[in-house]
């Protein structure tokens, strides 16, 4: 039976990597998927979903006022049977679009896997995440770690000195290097100005340097 899944996490927990792996698993079995991504997210290029470790796939961009049920129906009419819909950056969905994902499941019988952040840099729910948390059949947390060693559940936006930024728009595309995932306890300290945080390393270091020949 088809279900609506919401995979949520803090920043840099591997949500897009997990999405692309799921899409690959479907394709490996000869099944067709539709990957949806918000139009406002152009970090990897228009109509492309990309993970930080280099995985990429083409995606169908959608605007905030698009009807996602109608979009899925149009895709089926043009390309045939659809086995799964995957949504990247699902926190940017509108309330209506979160409901439409449920319609894709309930009306069309197609499973939907949505991936997104739960809260913004102020600790407040994104609109899309709020309604997916309320309406999804299955909620799955993708875990990541705070620099303190605790599980990271919050996101802070920091300046070049590692101090919390508490003002500004909720959405800041292209500023990933200014966001850090932290535990709730660290979030409280950083937001209160009692602590700073270093920006994360962009690459995974080698455990052992390669020996020269």
N, C-alpha and C. Protein backbone atom coordinates (compact mmCIF):
# COMPACT_ATOMS: atom_id res chain seq x y z
N UNK A 1 0.85 -1.20 0.00
CA UNK A 1 0.00 0.00 0.00
C UNK A 1 0.88 1.25 0.00
N UNK A 2 0.57 2.19 -0.86
CA UNK A 2 1.34 3.42 -0.96
C UNK A 2 1.20 4.25 0.30
N UNK A 3 2.28 4.93 0.66
CA UNK A 3 2.28 5.79 1.85
C UNK A 3 3.04 7.09 1.55
N UNK A 4 2.78 8.09 2.39
CA UNK A 4 3.51 9.34 2.36
C UNK A 4 4.55 9.30 3.48
N UNK A 5 5.82 9.38 3.10
CA UNK A 5 6.92 9.35 4.05
C UNK A 5 7.55 10.73 4.14
N UNK A 6 7.87 11.15 5.37
CA UNK A 6 8.62 12.38 5.55
C UNK A 6 9.92 12.07 6.28
N UNK A 7 11.03 12.24 5.56
CA UNK A 7 12.37 12.05 6.13
C UNK A 7 12.89 13.44 6.50
N UNK A 8 13.10 13.68 7.78
CA UNK A 8 13.49 15.01 8.23
C UNK A 8 14.78 14.95 9.04
N UNK A 9 15.47 16.09 9.09
CA UNK A 9 16.72 16.14 9.84
C UNK A 9 17.16 17.59 9.98
N UNK A 10 18.30 17.78 10.63
CA UNK A 10 18.99 19.05 10.62
C UNK A 10 19.80 19.14 9.33
N UNK A 11 20.56 20.22 9.17
CA UNK A 11 21.37 20.41 7.96
C UNK A 11 22.47 19.37 7.86
N UNK A 12 22.83 19.06 6.63
CA UNK A 12 24.00 18.23 6.33
C UNK A 12 23.95 16.85 6.98
N UNK A 13 22.76 16.26 6.98
CA UNK A 13 22.60 14.90 7.52
C UNK A 13 22.54 13.86 6.41
N UNK A 14 22.58 14.31 5.16
CA UNK A 14 22.56 13.36 4.05
C UNK A 14 21.18 13.12 3.47
N UNK A 15 20.27 14.09 3.59
CA UNK A 15 18.91 13.91 3.08
C UNK A 15 18.90 13.68 1.57
N UNK A 16 19.62 14.54 0.83
CA UNK A 16 19.61 14.42 -0.62
C UNK A 16 20.33 13.15 -1.07
N UNK A 17 21.39 12.78 -0.37
CA UNK A 17 22.07 11.52 -0.67
C UNK A 17 21.11 10.35 -0.52
N UNK A 18 20.32 10.37 0.55
CA UNK A 18 19.34 9.30 0.80
C UNK A 18 18.27 9.29 -0.28
N UNK A 19 17.81 10.48 -0.68
CA UNK A 19 16.82 10.58 -1.76
C UNK A 19 17.36 9.97 -3.04
N UNK A 20 18.58 10.34 -3.41
CA UNK A 20 19.16 9.85 -4.66
C UNK A 20 19.42 8.35 -4.60
N UNK A 21 19.77 7.84 -3.43
CA UNK A 21 19.94 6.40 -3.28
C UNK A 21 18.61 5.67 -3.46
N UNK A 22 17.54 6.26 -2.91
CA UNK A 22 16.21 5.66 -3.07
C UNK A 22 15.79 5.66 -4.54
N UNK A 23 16.04 6.76 -5.24
CA UNK A 23 15.71 6.82 -6.66
C UNK A 23 16.51 5.78 -7.44
N UNK A 24 17.77 5.62 -7.11
CA UNK A 24 18.61 4.63 -7.78
C UNK A 24 18.08 3.22 -7.56
N UNK A 25 17.64 2.95 -6.33
CA UNK A 25 17.10 1.62 -6.03
C UNK A 25 15.88 1.31 -6.89
N UNK A 26 15.00 2.30 -7.09
CA UNK A 26 13.84 2.10 -7.95
C UNK A 26 14.28 1.84 -9.39
N UNK A 27 15.19 2.67 -9.89
CA UNK A 27 15.62 2.55 -11.28
C UNK A 27 16.32 1.22 -11.52
N UNK A 28 17.05 0.76 -10.52
CA UNK A 28 17.78 -0.51 -10.66
C UNK A 28 16.81 -1.67 -10.87
N UNK A 29 15.60 -1.51 -10.39
CA UNK A 29 14.58 -2.55 -10.54
C UNK A 29 13.65 -2.27 -11.71
N UNK A 30 14.03 -1.35 -12.58
CA UNK A 30 13.24 -1.05 -13.76
C UNK A 30 11.99 -0.24 -13.48
N UNK A 31 11.97 0.49 -12.37
CA UNK A 31 10.81 1.28 -11.98
C UNK A 31 11.11 2.76 -12.19
N UNK A 32 10.07 3.51 -12.52
CA UNK A 32 10.25 4.92 -12.88
C UNK A 32 9.90 5.83 -11.71
N UNK A 33 10.72 6.87 -11.52
CA UNK A 33 10.48 7.83 -10.45
C UNK A 33 10.36 9.24 -11.01
N UNK A 34 9.77 10.09 -10.21
CA UNK A 34 9.71 11.52 -10.51
C UNK A 34 10.31 12.25 -9.32
N UNK A 35 11.41 12.97 -9.56
CA UNK A 35 12.05 13.75 -8.51
C UNK A 35 11.60 15.20 -8.66
N UNK A 36 11.10 15.76 -7.58
CA UNK A 36 10.63 17.15 -7.56
C UNK A 36 11.56 17.98 -6.70
N UNK A 37 11.83 19.21 -7.15
CA UNK A 37 12.68 20.12 -6.37
C UNK A 37 12.12 21.53 -6.50
N UNK A 38 12.15 22.33 -5.44
CA UNK A 38 11.61 23.69 -5.51
C UNK A 38 12.37 24.55 -6.51
N UNK A 39 11.66 25.40 -7.22
CA UNK A 39 12.29 26.26 -8.23
C UNK A 39 13.31 27.20 -7.60
N UNK A 40 13.09 27.60 -6.36
CA UNK A 40 13.99 28.56 -5.73
C UNK A 40 15.36 27.98 -5.41
N UNK A 41 15.49 26.65 -5.40
CA UNK A 41 16.77 26.03 -5.08
C UNK A 41 17.53 25.74 -6.36
N UNK A 42 18.49 26.61 -6.69
CA UNK A 42 19.26 26.46 -7.92
C UNK A 42 20.74 26.22 -7.63
N UNK A 43 21.05 25.74 -6.42
CA UNK A 43 22.46 25.57 -6.03
C UNK A 43 23.22 24.63 -6.96
N UNK A 44 22.56 23.57 -7.42
CA UNK A 44 23.22 22.59 -8.30
C UNK A 44 22.92 22.85 -9.77
N UNK A 45 22.21 23.93 -10.06
CA UNK A 45 21.77 24.21 -11.41
C UNK A 45 20.26 24.00 -11.51
N UNK A 46 19.66 24.54 -12.53
CA UNK A 46 18.21 24.46 -12.68
C UNK A 46 17.79 23.04 -13.05
N UNK A 47 16.85 22.49 -12.27
CA UNK A 47 16.35 21.15 -12.54
C UNK A 47 17.33 20.05 -12.22
N UNK A 48 18.21 20.28 -11.25
CA UNK A 48 19.18 19.27 -10.84
C UNK A 48 19.16 19.15 -9.32
N UNK A 49 19.15 17.91 -8.84
CA UNK A 49 19.30 17.64 -7.41
C UNK A 49 20.68 17.03 -7.22
N UNK A 50 21.46 17.56 -6.29
CA UNK A 50 22.82 17.08 -6.08
C UNK A 50 23.13 17.00 -4.60
N UNK A 51 23.84 15.96 -4.21
CA UNK A 51 24.27 15.80 -2.82
C UNK A 51 25.67 16.36 -2.65
N UNK A 52 26.07 16.56 -1.41
CA UNK A 52 27.40 17.11 -1.14
C UNK A 52 28.52 16.13 -1.49
N UNK A 53 28.19 14.83 -1.62
CA UNK A 53 29.23 13.85 -1.93
C UNK A 53 29.32 13.55 -3.43
N UNK A 54 28.57 14.32 -4.24
CA UNK A 54 28.74 14.23 -5.68
C UNK A 54 27.68 13.50 -6.47
N UNK A 55 26.67 12.93 -5.82
CA UNK A 55 25.59 12.28 -6.54
C UNK A 55 24.67 13.34 -7.13
N UNK A 56 24.16 13.09 -8.34
CA UNK A 56 23.31 14.06 -9.02
C UNK A 56 22.21 13.35 -9.80
N UNK A 57 21.11 14.06 -10.01
CA UNK A 57 20.04 13.54 -10.86
C UNK A 57 19.20 14.70 -11.37
N UNK A 58 18.59 14.52 -12.54
CA UNK A 58 17.67 15.52 -13.06
C UNK A 58 16.38 15.49 -12.25
N UNK A 59 15.75 16.65 -12.14
CA UNK A 59 14.53 16.77 -11.35
C UNK A 59 13.56 17.72 -12.04
N UNK A 60 12.32 17.61 -11.67
CA UNK A 60 11.28 18.51 -12.18
C UNK A 60 11.09 19.63 -11.17
N UNK A 61 11.34 20.86 -11.60
CA UNK A 61 11.19 22.00 -10.69
C UNK A 61 9.71 22.35 -10.53
N UNK A 62 9.36 22.83 -9.35
CA UNK A 62 7.99 23.28 -9.12
C UNK A 62 8.01 24.62 -8.39
N UNK A 63 6.99 25.40 -8.67
CA UNK A 63 6.80 26.69 -8.00
C UNK A 63 5.84 26.51 -6.84
N UNK A 64 5.79 27.51 -5.98
CA UNK A 64 5.01 27.42 -4.76
C UNK A 64 3.52 27.27 -5.02
N UNK A 65 3.04 27.78 -6.15
CA UNK A 65 1.60 27.70 -6.44
C UNK A 65 1.26 26.56 -7.40
N UNK A 66 2.23 25.70 -7.73
CA UNK A 66 1.95 24.56 -8.61
C UNK A 66 1.13 23.50 -7.87
N UNK A 67 0.25 22.83 -8.61
CA UNK A 67 -0.53 21.71 -8.08
C UNK A 67 0.28 20.43 -8.32
N UNK A 68 0.79 19.82 -7.27
CA UNK A 68 1.68 18.67 -7.43
C UNK A 68 0.93 17.41 -7.86
N UNK A 69 -0.34 17.30 -7.50
CA UNK A 69 -1.15 16.18 -7.99
C UNK A 69 -1.33 16.29 -9.49
N UNK A 70 -1.65 17.49 -9.98
CA UNK A 70 -1.79 17.70 -11.42
C UNK A 70 -0.47 17.47 -12.13
N UNK A 71 0.63 17.86 -11.50
CA UNK A 71 1.94 17.66 -12.09
C UNK A 71 2.26 16.17 -12.25
N UNK A 72 1.92 15.37 -11.23
CA UNK A 72 2.14 13.93 -11.29
C UNK A 72 1.27 13.30 -12.37
N UNK A 73 0.04 13.73 -12.46
CA UNK A 73 -0.86 13.19 -13.49
C UNK A 73 -0.35 13.51 -14.88
N UNK A 74 0.16 14.74 -15.07
CA UNK A 74 0.69 15.13 -16.38
C UNK A 74 1.93 14.30 -16.72
N UNK A 75 2.75 14.00 -15.72
CA UNK A 75 3.94 13.19 -15.96
C UNK A 75 3.55 11.78 -16.38
N UNK A 76 2.54 11.22 -15.75
CA UNK A 76 2.07 9.88 -16.10
C UNK A 76 1.50 9.87 -17.52
N UNK A 77 0.72 10.91 -17.86
CA UNK A 77 0.13 10.98 -19.19
C UNK A 77 1.21 11.07 -20.26
N UNK A 78 2.32 11.74 -19.95
CA UNK A 78 3.38 11.94 -20.94
C UNK A 78 4.36 10.78 -21.01
N UNK A 79 4.59 10.11 -19.87
CA UNK A 79 5.68 9.14 -19.82
C UNK A 79 5.28 7.75 -19.35
N UNK A 80 4.05 7.58 -18.91
CA UNK A 80 3.61 6.26 -18.50
C UNK A 80 3.66 6.04 -17.00
N UNK A 81 3.54 4.81 -16.60
CA UNK A 81 3.43 4.42 -15.20
C UNK A 81 4.53 5.03 -14.34
N UNK A 82 4.12 5.51 -13.18
CA UNK A 82 5.05 6.14 -12.24
C UNK A 82 5.03 5.33 -10.95
N UNK A 83 6.21 4.97 -10.46
CA UNK A 83 6.30 4.08 -9.31
C UNK A 83 6.60 4.80 -8.00
N UNK A 84 7.15 6.00 -8.05
CA UNK A 84 7.46 6.73 -6.82
C UNK A 84 7.70 8.19 -7.13
N UNK A 85 7.27 9.06 -6.22
CA UNK A 85 7.56 10.48 -6.30
C UNK A 85 8.48 10.83 -5.13
N UNK A 86 9.59 11.51 -5.42
CA UNK A 86 10.53 11.91 -4.39
C UNK A 86 10.64 13.43 -4.40
N UNK A 87 10.61 14.04 -3.22
CA UNK A 87 10.61 15.50 -3.11
C UNK A 87 11.82 15.95 -2.30
N UNK A 88 12.68 16.75 -2.92
CA UNK A 88 13.84 17.31 -2.22
C UNK A 88 13.46 18.67 -1.63
N UNK A 89 14.11 19.04 -0.52
CA UNK A 89 13.88 20.32 0.15
C UNK A 89 12.39 20.54 0.42
N UNK A 90 11.76 19.52 1.00
CA UNK A 90 10.31 19.54 1.19
C UNK A 90 9.84 20.59 2.19
N UNK A 91 10.77 21.16 2.95
CA UNK A 91 10.37 22.21 3.89
C UNK A 91 9.81 23.43 3.17
N UNK A 92 10.13 23.58 1.88
CA UNK A 92 9.67 24.74 1.12
C UNK A 92 8.29 24.54 0.50
N UNK A 93 7.67 23.41 0.71
CA UNK A 93 6.31 23.20 0.23
C UNK A 93 5.33 24.14 0.92
N UNK A 94 4.27 24.48 0.22
CA UNK A 94 3.17 25.19 0.86
C UNK A 94 2.26 24.17 1.57
N UNK A 95 1.35 24.67 2.39
CA UNK A 95 0.38 23.79 3.04
C UNK A 95 -0.40 23.00 2.00
N UNK A 96 -0.85 23.69 0.94
CA UNK A 96 -1.64 23.03 -0.10
C UNK A 96 -0.83 21.93 -0.78
N UNK A 97 0.44 22.17 -1.02
CA UNK A 97 1.27 21.18 -1.70
C UNK A 97 1.54 19.96 -0.81
N UNK A 98 1.67 20.16 0.49
CA UNK A 98 1.80 19.02 1.39
C UNK A 98 0.55 18.14 1.32
N UNK A 99 -0.60 18.78 1.22
CA UNK A 99 -1.86 18.03 1.08
C UNK A 99 -1.91 17.31 -0.26
N UNK A 100 -1.42 17.95 -1.31
CA UNK A 100 -1.40 17.33 -2.64
C UNK A 100 -0.50 16.10 -2.69
N UNK A 101 0.57 16.10 -1.92
CA UNK A 101 1.40 14.88 -1.84
C UNK A 101 0.59 13.73 -1.27
N UNK A 102 -0.25 14.03 -0.29
CA UNK A 102 -1.15 13.00 0.23
C UNK A 102 -2.13 12.53 -0.82
N UNK A 103 -2.56 13.43 -1.70
CA UNK A 103 -3.46 13.04 -2.78
C UNK A 103 -2.77 12.12 -3.78
N UNK A 104 -1.49 12.36 -4.05
CA UNK A 104 -0.75 11.48 -4.95
C UNK A 104 -0.76 10.05 -4.40
N UNK A 105 -0.63 9.93 -3.10
CA UNK A 105 -0.68 8.63 -2.44
C UNK A 105 -2.09 8.05 -2.46
N UNK A 106 -3.07 8.85 -2.02
CA UNK A 106 -4.42 8.33 -1.79
C UNK A 106 -5.23 8.18 -3.07
N UNK A 107 -5.03 9.08 -4.03
CA UNK A 107 -5.81 9.05 -5.27
C UNK A 107 -5.13 8.21 -6.34
N UNK A 108 -3.81 8.41 -6.49
CA UNK A 108 -3.09 7.72 -7.55
C UNK A 108 -2.43 6.42 -7.08
N UNK A 109 -2.34 6.22 -5.78
CA UNK A 109 -1.74 4.99 -5.26
C UNK A 109 -0.23 4.93 -5.47
N UNK A 110 0.43 6.09 -5.48
CA UNK A 110 1.88 6.16 -5.71
C UNK A 110 2.55 6.59 -4.41
N UNK A 111 3.56 5.87 -3.94
CA UNK A 111 4.26 6.29 -2.73
C UNK A 111 5.02 7.59 -2.96
N UNK A 112 5.06 8.41 -1.92
CA UNK A 112 5.78 9.70 -1.96
C UNK A 112 6.79 9.72 -0.83
N UNK A 113 8.04 10.03 -1.19
CA UNK A 113 9.11 10.16 -0.22
C UNK A 113 9.57 11.61 -0.22
N UNK A 114 9.29 12.34 0.87
CA UNK A 114 9.65 13.75 0.97
C UNK A 114 10.79 13.91 1.98
N UNK A 115 11.76 14.74 1.62
CA UNK A 115 12.96 14.93 2.43
C UNK A 115 13.13 16.42 2.72
N UNK A 116 13.32 16.78 3.99
CA UNK A 116 13.49 18.19 4.29
C UNK A 116 13.93 18.47 5.70
N UNK A 117 14.22 19.75 5.94
CA UNK A 117 14.53 20.22 7.28
C UNK A 117 13.26 20.31 8.09
N UNK A 118 13.39 20.12 9.39
CA UNK A 118 12.23 20.28 10.27
C UNK A 118 12.07 21.74 10.69
N UNK A 119 13.17 22.37 11.15
CA UNK A 119 13.09 23.74 11.66
C UNK A 119 14.11 24.64 10.98
N UNK A 120 13.86 25.94 11.08
CA UNK A 120 14.77 26.93 10.51
C UNK A 120 15.81 27.36 11.54
N UNK A 121 16.60 28.41 11.21
CA UNK A 121 17.71 28.82 12.09
C UNK A 121 17.22 29.50 13.37
N UNK A 122 15.91 29.77 13.46
CA UNK A 122 15.36 30.32 14.69
C UNK A 122 14.66 29.26 15.54
N UNK A 123 14.72 28.01 15.06
CA UNK A 123 14.07 26.93 15.80
C UNK A 123 12.59 26.82 15.53
N UNK A 124 12.10 27.45 14.46
CA UNK A 124 10.69 27.42 14.12
C UNK A 124 10.44 26.50 12.93
N UNK A 125 9.29 25.85 12.92
CA UNK A 125 8.95 24.93 11.84
C UNK A 125 8.79 25.66 10.51
N UNK A 126 9.32 25.04 9.45
CA UNK A 126 8.98 25.47 8.10
C UNK A 126 7.53 25.07 7.81
N UNK A 127 6.89 25.80 6.92
CA UNK A 127 5.49 25.49 6.60
C UNK A 127 5.32 24.08 6.06
N UNK A 128 6.13 23.71 5.07
CA UNK A 128 6.01 22.37 4.51
C UNK A 128 6.24 21.29 5.54
N UNK A 129 7.25 21.48 6.37
CA UNK A 129 7.57 20.48 7.39
C UNK A 129 6.46 20.37 8.42
N UNK A 130 5.87 21.49 8.78
CA UNK A 130 4.78 21.48 9.76
C UNK A 130 3.66 20.54 9.33
N UNK A 131 3.26 20.65 8.07
CA UNK A 131 2.12 19.86 7.62
C UNK A 131 2.51 18.44 7.24
N UNK A 132 3.73 18.23 6.82
CA UNK A 132 4.18 16.85 6.60
C UNK A 132 4.28 16.10 7.93
N UNK A 133 4.74 16.78 8.98
CA UNK A 133 4.77 16.15 10.30
C UNK A 133 3.36 15.78 10.76
N UNK A 134 2.39 16.60 10.36
CA UNK A 134 1.00 16.35 10.76
C UNK A 134 0.33 15.28 9.92
N UNK A 135 0.68 15.18 8.64
CA UNK A 135 -0.11 14.37 7.71
C UNK A 135 0.60 13.13 7.16
N UNK A 136 1.90 13.03 7.28
CA UNK A 136 2.61 11.89 6.70
C UNK A 136 2.23 10.59 7.41
N UNK A 137 2.24 9.49 6.67
CA UNK A 137 1.98 8.17 7.25
C UNK A 137 3.17 7.70 8.08
N UNK A 138 4.37 7.99 7.61
CA UNK A 138 5.59 7.56 8.29
C UNK A 138 6.54 8.74 8.44
N UNK A 139 7.04 8.94 9.65
CA UNK A 139 8.03 9.96 9.93
C UNK A 139 9.36 9.28 10.23
N UNK A 140 10.40 9.69 9.52
CA UNK A 140 11.72 9.06 9.68
C UNK A 140 12.75 10.15 9.92
N UNK A 141 13.44 10.09 11.06
CA UNK A 141 14.50 11.06 11.34
C UNK A 141 15.81 10.55 10.78
N UNK A 142 16.48 11.40 9.99
CA UNK A 142 17.83 11.11 9.51
C UNK A 142 18.78 11.82 10.48
N UNK A 143 19.59 11.07 11.18
CA UNK A 143 20.35 11.62 12.29
C UNK A 143 21.70 12.17 11.85
N UNK A 144 22.14 13.20 12.53
CA UNK A 144 23.49 13.73 12.39
C UNK A 144 23.97 14.19 13.75
N UNK A 145 25.25 14.58 13.83
CA UNK A 145 25.89 14.81 15.11
C UNK A 145 26.30 16.26 15.29
N UNK A 146 26.09 16.77 16.49
CA UNK A 146 26.55 18.08 16.90
C UNK A 146 28.05 18.00 17.25
N UNK A 147 28.74 19.14 17.19
CA UNK A 147 30.16 19.15 17.57
C UNK A 147 30.38 18.76 19.02
N UNK A 148 29.32 18.82 19.84
CA UNK A 148 29.40 18.42 21.24
C UNK A 148 29.37 16.91 21.41
N UNK A 149 29.04 16.19 20.34
CA UNK A 149 28.90 14.74 20.41
C UNK A 149 27.48 14.28 20.60
N UNK A 150 26.57 15.21 20.91
CA UNK A 150 25.15 14.87 21.03
C UNK A 150 24.50 14.80 19.65
N UNK A 151 23.30 14.23 19.61
CA UNK A 151 22.55 14.24 18.36
C UNK A 151 22.16 15.67 18.01
N UNK A 152 22.37 16.05 16.76
CA UNK A 152 22.00 17.38 16.30
C UNK A 152 20.55 17.38 15.83
N UNK A 153 19.76 18.29 16.39
CA UNK A 153 18.35 18.39 16.01
C UNK A 153 17.97 19.79 15.55
N UNK A 154 18.87 20.76 15.71
CA UNK A 154 18.58 22.16 15.40
C UNK A 154 19.60 22.68 14.39
N UNK A 155 19.29 23.83 13.82
CA UNK A 155 20.18 24.48 12.86
C UNK A 155 20.39 25.92 13.30
N UNK A 156 21.65 26.36 13.29
CA UNK A 156 21.93 27.77 13.55
C UNK A 156 22.57 28.39 12.31
N UNK A 157 22.26 29.66 12.09
CA UNK A 157 22.92 30.44 11.04
C UNK A 157 23.97 31.30 11.73
N UNK A 158 25.22 31.21 11.29
CA UNK A 158 26.30 31.91 11.97
C UNK A 158 27.02 32.86 11.03
N UNK A 159 27.70 33.84 11.64
CA UNK A 159 28.52 34.75 10.85
C UNK A 159 29.94 34.19 10.74
N UNK A 160 30.84 34.99 10.18
CA UNK A 160 32.20 34.49 9.94
C UNK A 160 32.98 34.23 11.23
N UNK A 161 32.45 34.72 12.36
CA UNK A 161 33.11 34.49 13.64
C UNK A 161 32.45 33.36 14.43
N UNK A 162 31.46 32.69 13.83
CA UNK A 162 30.80 31.59 14.51
C UNK A 162 29.74 32.02 15.49
N UNK A 163 29.32 33.29 15.42
CA UNK A 163 28.27 33.78 16.30
C UNK A 163 26.91 33.64 15.62
N UNK A 164 25.89 33.40 16.41
CA UNK A 164 24.56 33.18 15.87
C UNK A 164 24.02 34.42 15.19
N UNK A 165 23.37 34.22 14.03
CA UNK A 165 22.63 35.27 13.34
C UNK A 165 21.16 35.03 13.66
N UNK A 166 20.51 36.01 14.26
CA UNK A 166 19.14 35.81 14.71
C UNK A 166 18.11 36.54 13.86
N UNK A 167 18.58 37.39 12.94
CA UNK A 167 17.67 38.15 12.08
C UNK A 167 17.90 37.77 10.62
N UNK A 168 16.92 38.08 9.79
CA UNK A 168 17.04 37.83 8.36
C UNK A 168 15.95 36.94 7.85
N UNK A 169 15.88 36.75 6.54
CA UNK A 169 14.83 35.93 5.93
C UNK A 169 14.97 34.47 6.33
N UNK A 170 13.87 33.76 6.35
CA UNK A 170 13.90 32.34 6.71
C UNK A 170 14.68 31.53 5.69
N UNK A 171 14.58 31.91 4.42
CA UNK A 171 15.23 31.17 3.34
C UNK A 171 16.42 31.97 2.83
N UNK A 172 17.59 31.34 2.77
CA UNK A 172 18.79 31.95 2.23
C UNK A 172 19.49 30.92 1.35
N UNK A 173 19.15 30.90 0.08
CA UNK A 173 19.70 29.90 -0.83
C UNK A 173 21.17 30.21 -1.11
N UNK A 174 21.98 29.14 -1.10
CA UNK A 174 23.38 29.29 -1.44
C UNK A 174 24.26 29.63 -0.27
N UNK A 175 23.71 29.69 0.95
CA UNK A 175 24.51 30.02 2.11
C UNK A 175 24.74 28.85 3.03
N UNK A 176 24.87 27.65 2.47
CA UNK A 176 25.02 26.45 3.29
C UNK A 176 26.20 26.51 4.24
N UNK A 177 27.26 27.22 3.83
CA UNK A 177 28.44 27.27 4.67
C UNK A 177 28.22 28.11 5.93
N UNK A 178 27.08 28.78 6.01
CA UNK A 178 26.77 29.59 7.19
C UNK A 178 25.83 28.87 8.15
N UNK A 179 25.47 27.64 7.85
CA UNK A 179 24.57 26.89 8.70
C UNK A 179 25.31 25.73 9.37
N UNK A 180 25.01 25.52 10.65
CA UNK A 180 25.63 24.44 11.40
C UNK A 180 24.54 23.71 12.17
N UNK A 181 24.60 22.38 12.14
CA UNK A 181 23.65 21.56 12.89
C UNK A 181 24.18 21.33 14.30
N UNK A 182 23.32 21.56 15.29
CA UNK A 182 23.73 21.45 16.69
C UNK A 182 22.63 20.78 17.50
N UNK A 183 22.98 20.39 18.71
CA UNK A 183 21.98 19.85 19.64
C UNK A 183 21.12 20.99 20.18
N UNK A 184 20.02 20.65 20.81
CA UNK A 184 19.16 21.68 21.40
C UNK A 184 19.92 22.46 22.47
N UNK A 185 20.72 21.76 23.29
CA UNK A 185 21.47 22.44 24.34
C UNK A 185 22.45 23.45 23.76
N UNK A 186 23.17 23.07 22.69
CA UNK A 186 24.10 23.99 22.06
C UNK A 186 23.37 25.13 21.37
N UNK A 187 22.23 24.83 20.78
CA UNK A 187 21.41 25.86 20.13
C UNK A 187 21.07 26.97 21.14
N UNK A 188 20.67 26.58 22.34
CA UNK A 188 20.32 27.57 23.37
C UNK A 188 21.52 28.43 23.73
N UNK A 189 22.69 27.82 23.89
CA UNK A 189 23.90 28.57 24.25
C UNK A 189 24.31 29.54 23.15
N UNK A 190 24.28 29.05 21.91
CA UNK A 190 24.72 29.89 20.79
C UNK A 190 23.75 31.04 20.57
N UNK A 191 22.47 30.77 20.64
CA UNK A 191 21.48 31.83 20.45
C UNK A 191 21.52 32.86 21.57
N UNK A 192 21.95 32.44 22.75
CA UNK A 192 22.05 33.36 23.89
C UNK A 192 23.38 34.11 23.89
N UNK A 193 24.26 33.82 22.91
CA UNK A 193 25.56 34.48 22.84
C UNK A 193 26.57 33.93 23.81
N UNK A 194 26.29 32.77 24.41
CA UNK A 194 27.19 32.17 25.39
C UNK A 194 28.23 31.26 24.75
N UNK A 195 28.11 31.04 23.46
CA UNK A 195 29.01 30.12 22.78
C UNK A 195 29.07 30.48 21.30
N UNK A 196 30.16 30.08 20.66
CA UNK A 196 30.29 30.21 19.21
C UNK A 196 30.56 28.82 18.66
N UNK A 197 30.50 28.70 17.34
CA UNK A 197 30.70 27.39 16.73
C UNK A 197 31.52 27.56 15.46
N UNK A 198 32.44 26.65 15.25
CA UNK A 198 33.25 26.69 14.04
C UNK A 198 32.45 26.14 12.87
N UNK A 199 32.70 26.69 11.68
CA UNK A 199 32.04 26.18 10.49
C UNK A 199 32.56 24.78 10.19
N UNK A 200 31.71 23.97 9.58
CA UNK A 200 32.05 22.57 9.34
C UNK A 200 33.07 22.42 8.22
N UNK A 201 33.87 21.33 8.31
CA UNK A 201 34.82 21.03 7.25
C UNK A 201 34.06 20.61 6.00
N UNK A 202 34.44 21.11 4.82
CA UNK A 202 33.71 20.80 3.60
C UNK A 202 34.03 19.43 3.02
N UNK A 203 35.15 18.84 3.44
CA UNK A 203 35.54 17.56 2.86
C UNK A 203 35.88 16.57 3.96
N UNK A 204 35.83 15.31 3.63
CA UNK A 204 36.17 14.25 4.57
C UNK A 204 37.67 13.99 4.49
N UNK A 205 38.41 14.17 5.61
CA UNK A 205 39.85 13.96 5.55
C UNK A 205 40.19 12.48 5.48
N UNK A 206 41.34 12.17 4.91
CA UNK A 206 41.81 10.79 4.86
C UNK A 206 42.36 10.40 6.22
N UNK A 207 42.08 9.15 6.63
CA UNK A 207 42.59 8.69 7.91
C UNK A 207 44.11 8.56 7.88
N UNK A 208 44.62 8.13 6.73
CA UNK A 208 46.07 7.94 6.61
C UNK A 208 46.51 8.60 5.31
N UNK A 209 47.52 9.48 5.37
CA UNK A 209 48.00 10.11 4.14
C UNK A 209 48.54 9.07 3.19
N UNK A 210 48.31 9.29 1.90
CA UNK A 210 48.79 8.36 0.89
C UNK A 210 50.32 8.43 0.81
N UNK A 211 50.92 7.25 0.84
CA UNK A 211 52.39 7.21 0.76
C UNK A 211 52.83 7.44 -0.68
N UNK A 212 53.91 8.18 -0.82
CA UNK A 212 54.43 8.43 -2.16
C UNK A 212 55.13 7.19 -2.68
N UNK A 213 55.06 6.98 -3.97
CA UNK A 213 55.64 5.79 -4.57
C UNK A 213 57.16 5.87 -4.58
